[in-house]
Amino acid sequence: MSLEKEERIIIPDENGEEHLFEVLFTFDLGQTEETYVSVVPTELKEDEDVEVFTFRYEEKANDGDELAIYHIESDEEWELAMVLI
């Protein structure tokens, strides 16, 4: 499953509550050989600022329709990703 611009995906938070996000774009980092996705929440209040979230992701080998989403945890990885965003 390759993510497409304007596609919507569901990402659970740390409490297991699911949130719907719209995909802005995906990108690969040659330095890390990882794939990343930048998304925005679809449920925004009228006066709320839009926050863009970026995650590292992998397609699950056993099911092409499911993704494994990972938080970017190291400062080095964030610095590499921020250059492309």
N, C-alpha and C. Protein backbone atom coordinates (compact mmCIF):
# COMPACT_ATOMS: atom_id res chain seq x y z
N MET A 1 0.86 -1.18 0.00
CA MET A 1 0.00 0.00 0.00
C MET A 1 0.89 1.22 0.00
N SER A 2 0.90 1.95 -1.06
CA SER A 2 1.63 3.20 -1.03
C SER A 2 0.63 4.30 -0.71
N LEU A 3 1.01 5.16 0.19
CA LEU A 3 0.11 6.24 0.58
C LEU A 3 0.07 7.30 -0.50
N GLU A 4 -1.10 7.80 -0.76
CA GLU A 4 -1.29 8.83 -1.78
C GLU A 4 -1.68 10.14 -1.11
N LYS A 5 -1.32 11.25 -1.75
CA LYS A 5 -1.71 12.57 -1.26
C LYS A 5 -3.23 12.61 -1.16
N GLU A 6 -3.71 13.23 -0.13
CA GLU A 6 -5.13 13.39 0.18
C GLU A 6 -5.81 12.09 0.60
N GLU A 7 -5.04 11.04 0.79
CA GLU A 7 -5.59 9.80 1.34
C GLU A 7 -5.81 10.02 2.83
N ARG A 8 -6.71 9.29 3.42
CA ARG A 8 -6.96 9.40 4.86
C ARG A 8 -6.56 8.09 5.53
N ILE A 9 -5.91 8.24 6.70
CA ILE A 9 -5.52 7.08 7.48
C ILE A 9 -5.92 7.29 8.93
N ILE A 10 -6.10 6.19 9.64
CA ILE A 10 -6.45 6.24 11.06
C ILE A 10 -5.20 5.88 11.85
N ILE A 11 -4.88 6.74 12.84
CA ILE A 11 -3.72 6.51 13.70
C ILE A 11 -4.20 6.54 15.15
N PRO A 12 -3.97 5.47 15.90
CA PRO A 12 -4.36 5.48 17.32
C PRO A 12 -3.36 6.29 18.15
N ASP A 13 -3.86 6.94 19.21
CA ASP A 13 -2.96 7.65 20.12
C ASP A 13 -2.48 6.70 21.21
N GLU A 14 -1.74 7.22 22.18
CA GLU A 14 -1.16 6.39 23.24
C GLU A 14 -2.23 5.74 24.12
N ASN A 15 -3.46 6.25 24.08
CA ASN A 15 -4.56 5.67 24.85
C ASN A 15 -5.41 4.70 24.03
N GLY A 16 -5.02 4.49 22.77
CA GLY A 16 -5.76 3.59 21.90
C GLY A 16 -6.92 4.24 21.17
N GLU A 17 -7.15 5.54 21.41
CA GLU A 17 -8.22 6.25 20.72
C GLU A 17 -7.78 6.53 19.29
N GLU A 18 -8.65 6.23 18.33
CA GLU A 18 -8.30 6.38 16.92
C GLU A 18 -8.64 7.78 16.42
N HIS A 19 -7.73 8.33 15.58
CA HIS A 19 -7.91 9.66 15.01
C HIS A 19 -7.70 9.58 13.50
N LEU A 20 -8.52 10.31 12.76
CA LEU A 20 -8.44 10.32 11.31
C LEU A 20 -7.53 11.45 10.86
N PHE A 21 -6.59 11.13 9.96
CA PHE A 21 -5.63 12.10 9.44
C PHE A 21 -5.66 12.09 7.92
N GLU A 22 -5.37 13.24 7.33
CA GLU A 22 -5.22 13.34 5.89
C GLU A 22 -3.74 13.37 5.54
N VAL A 23 -3.33 12.56 4.58
CA VAL A 23 -1.93 12.49 4.16
C VAL A 23 -1.61 13.72 3.32
N LEU A 24 -0.58 14.46 3.73
CA LEU A 24 -0.10 15.58 2.94
C LEU A 24 0.90 15.11 1.90
N PHE A 25 1.90 14.34 2.36
CA PHE A 25 2.90 13.79 1.46
C PHE A 25 3.71 12.73 2.17
N THR A 26 4.40 11.92 1.38
CA THR A 26 5.32 10.93 1.91
C THR A 26 6.70 11.22 1.33
N PHE A 27 7.74 10.76 2.01
CA PHE A 27 9.09 10.96 1.50
C PHE A 27 10.02 9.91 2.09
N ASP A 28 11.11 9.66 1.37
CA ASP A 28 12.14 8.73 1.81
C ASP A 28 13.37 9.53 2.18
N LEU A 29 14.10 9.04 3.18
CA LEU A 29 15.39 9.63 3.55
C LEU A 29 16.48 8.66 3.14
N GLY A 30 17.32 9.08 2.23
CA GLY A 30 18.41 8.23 1.79
C GLY A 30 19.38 7.90 2.91
N GLN A 31 19.56 8.85 3.85
CA GLN A 31 20.50 8.63 4.95
C GLN A 31 20.04 7.52 5.89
N THR A 32 18.74 7.38 6.07
CA THR A 32 18.21 6.38 6.99
C THR A 32 17.56 5.20 6.27
N GLU A 33 17.32 5.35 4.96
CA GLU A 33 16.61 4.35 4.17
C GLU A 33 15.24 4.03 4.75
N GLU A 34 14.62 5.03 5.35
CA GLU A 34 13.29 4.89 5.94
C GLU A 34 12.29 5.73 5.14
N THR A 35 11.00 5.43 5.31
CA THR A 35 9.92 6.15 4.65
C THR A 35 9.11 6.89 5.71
N TYR A 36 8.70 8.12 5.38
CA TYR A 36 7.99 8.98 6.33
C TYR A 36 6.71 9.50 5.70
N VAL A 37 5.77 9.87 6.56
CA VAL A 37 4.51 10.44 6.12
C VAL A 37 4.21 11.67 6.98
N SER A 38 3.77 12.74 6.33
CA SER A 38 3.31 13.93 7.04
C SER A 38 1.81 14.02 6.89
N VAL A 39 1.12 14.22 8.02
CA VAL A 39 -0.35 14.20 8.04
C VAL A 39 -0.88 15.36 8.86
N VAL A 40 -2.15 15.67 8.64
CA VAL A 40 -2.87 16.66 9.45
C VAL A 40 -4.18 16.03 9.90
N PRO A 41 -4.64 16.38 11.10
CA PRO A 41 -5.93 15.84 11.57
C PRO A 41 -7.07 16.35 10.69
N THR A 42 -8.05 15.50 10.45
CA THR A 42 -9.21 15.92 9.66
C THR A 42 -10.24 16.64 10.52
N GLU A 43 -10.19 16.39 11.82
CA GLU A 43 -11.16 16.97 12.74
C GLU A 43 -10.54 18.19 13.43
N LEU A 44 -10.77 19.35 12.84
CA LEU A 44 -10.25 20.59 13.41
C LEU A 44 -11.40 21.51 13.76
N LYS A 45 -11.23 22.21 14.88
CA LYS A 45 -12.21 23.23 15.24
C LYS A 45 -11.91 24.48 14.42
N GLU A 46 -12.90 25.31 14.27
CA GLU A 46 -12.78 26.48 13.39
C GLU A 46 -11.61 27.39 13.75
N ASP A 47 -11.36 27.63 15.03
CA ASP A 47 -10.31 28.56 15.46
C ASP A 47 -8.99 27.87 15.76
N GLU A 48 -8.91 26.58 15.52
CA GLU A 48 -7.74 25.80 15.89
C GLU A 48 -6.65 25.89 14.82
N ASP A 49 -5.40 26.03 15.27
CA ASP A 49 -4.27 26.02 14.35
C ASP A 49 -4.06 24.60 13.83
N VAL A 50 -3.61 24.51 12.60
CA VAL A 50 -3.34 23.20 12.00
C VAL A 50 -1.95 22.76 12.42
N GLU A 51 -1.87 21.55 12.96
CA GLU A 51 -0.59 20.98 13.35
C GLU A 51 -0.27 19.82 12.42
N VAL A 52 0.93 19.85 11.85
CA VAL A 52 1.37 18.79 10.96
C VAL A 52 2.16 17.78 11.78
N PHE A 53 1.83 16.50 11.60
CA PHE A 53 2.52 15.42 12.29
C PHE A 53 3.31 14.62 11.26
N THR A 54 4.51 14.22 11.62
CA THR A 54 5.34 13.40 10.74
C THR A 54 5.73 12.14 11.48
N PHE A 55 5.56 11.01 10.81
CA PHE A 55 5.86 9.70 11.37
C PHE A 55 6.71 8.91 10.39
N ARG A 56 7.50 8.01 10.91
CA ARG A 56 8.16 6.99 10.09
C ARG A 56 7.15 5.86 9.94
N TYR A 57 7.08 5.26 8.77
CA TYR A 57 6.14 4.15 8.61
C TYR A 57 6.74 3.03 7.75
N GLU A 58 6.16 1.86 7.94
CA GLU A 58 6.52 0.68 7.15
C GLU A 58 5.23 -0.04 6.79
N GLU A 59 5.21 -0.59 5.61
CA GLU A 59 4.08 -1.44 5.24
C GLU A 59 4.29 -2.79 5.90
N LYS A 60 3.25 -3.32 6.51
CA LYS A 60 3.35 -4.64 7.14
C LYS A 60 3.51 -5.70 6.08
N ALA A 61 4.50 -6.56 6.25
CA ALA A 61 4.84 -7.56 5.24
C ALA A 61 3.70 -8.54 4.97
N ASN A 62 2.93 -8.86 6.01
CA ASN A 62 1.88 -9.87 5.84
C ASN A 62 0.57 -9.30 5.31
N ASP A 63 0.44 -7.98 5.28
CA ASP A 63 -0.81 -7.37 4.81
C ASP A 63 -0.50 -6.03 4.17
N GLY A 64 -0.59 -5.97 2.85
CA GLY A 64 -0.24 -4.77 2.12
C GLY A 64 -1.13 -3.58 2.40
N ASP A 65 -2.25 -3.77 3.10
CA ASP A 65 -3.16 -2.67 3.40
C ASP A 65 -2.94 -2.07 4.78
N GLU A 66 -2.01 -2.61 5.55
CA GLU A 66 -1.78 -2.10 6.90
C GLU A 66 -0.39 -1.49 7.00
N LEU A 67 -0.30 -0.47 7.84
CA LEU A 67 0.96 0.23 8.06
C LEU A 67 1.36 0.11 9.52
N ALA A 68 2.65 0.12 9.75
CA ALA A 68 3.18 0.26 11.11
C ALA A 68 3.70 1.69 11.19
N ILE A 69 3.18 2.47 12.14
CA ILE A 69 3.53 3.88 12.30
C ILE A 69 4.43 4.02 13.53
N TYR A 70 5.52 4.79 13.38
CA TYR A 70 6.47 4.98 14.48
C TYR A 70 6.72 6.46 14.69
N HIS A 71 6.81 6.86 15.95
CA HIS A 71 7.20 8.23 16.28
C HIS A 71 8.68 8.41 15.96
N ILE A 72 9.03 9.60 15.54
CA ILE A 72 10.44 9.94 15.35
C ILE A 72 10.97 10.34 16.72
N GLU A 73 11.92 9.59 17.24
CA GLU A 73 12.34 9.80 18.62
C GLU A 73 13.71 10.46 18.78
N SER A 74 14.58 10.31 17.80
CA SER A 74 15.92 10.89 17.98
C SER A 74 16.01 12.27 17.33
N ASP A 75 16.82 13.13 17.93
CA ASP A 75 17.03 14.47 17.38
C ASP A 75 17.68 14.40 16.00
N GLU A 76 18.55 13.44 15.80
CA GLU A 76 19.24 13.30 14.51
C GLU A 76 18.25 12.97 13.40
N GLU A 77 17.31 12.05 13.69
CA GLU A 77 16.32 11.69 12.70
C GLU A 77 15.40 12.87 12.39
N TRP A 78 15.02 13.65 13.42
CA TRP A 78 14.18 14.83 13.22
C TRP A 78 14.89 15.84 12.33
N GLU A 79 16.17 16.06 12.59
CA GLU A 79 16.92 17.03 11.79
C GLU A 79 16.95 16.61 10.31
N LEU A 80 17.15 15.34 10.04
CA LEU A 80 17.15 14.86 8.66
C LEU A 80 15.77 15.04 8.03
N ALA A 81 14.72 14.72 8.76
CA ALA A 81 13.36 14.83 8.23
C ALA A 81 12.96 16.27 8.00
N MET A 82 13.36 17.18 8.87
CA MET A 82 12.98 18.58 8.77
C MET A 82 13.55 19.24 7.53
N VAL A 83 14.66 18.75 7.03
CA VAL A 83 15.25 19.31 5.81
C VAL A 83 14.31 19.11 4.64
N LEU A 84 13.57 18.01 4.62
CA LEU A 84 12.70 17.69 3.50
C LEU A 84 11.27 18.23 3.65
N ILE A 85 10.89 18.58 4.86
CA ILE A 85 9.50 19.03 5.08
C ILE A 85 9.34 20.48 4.70
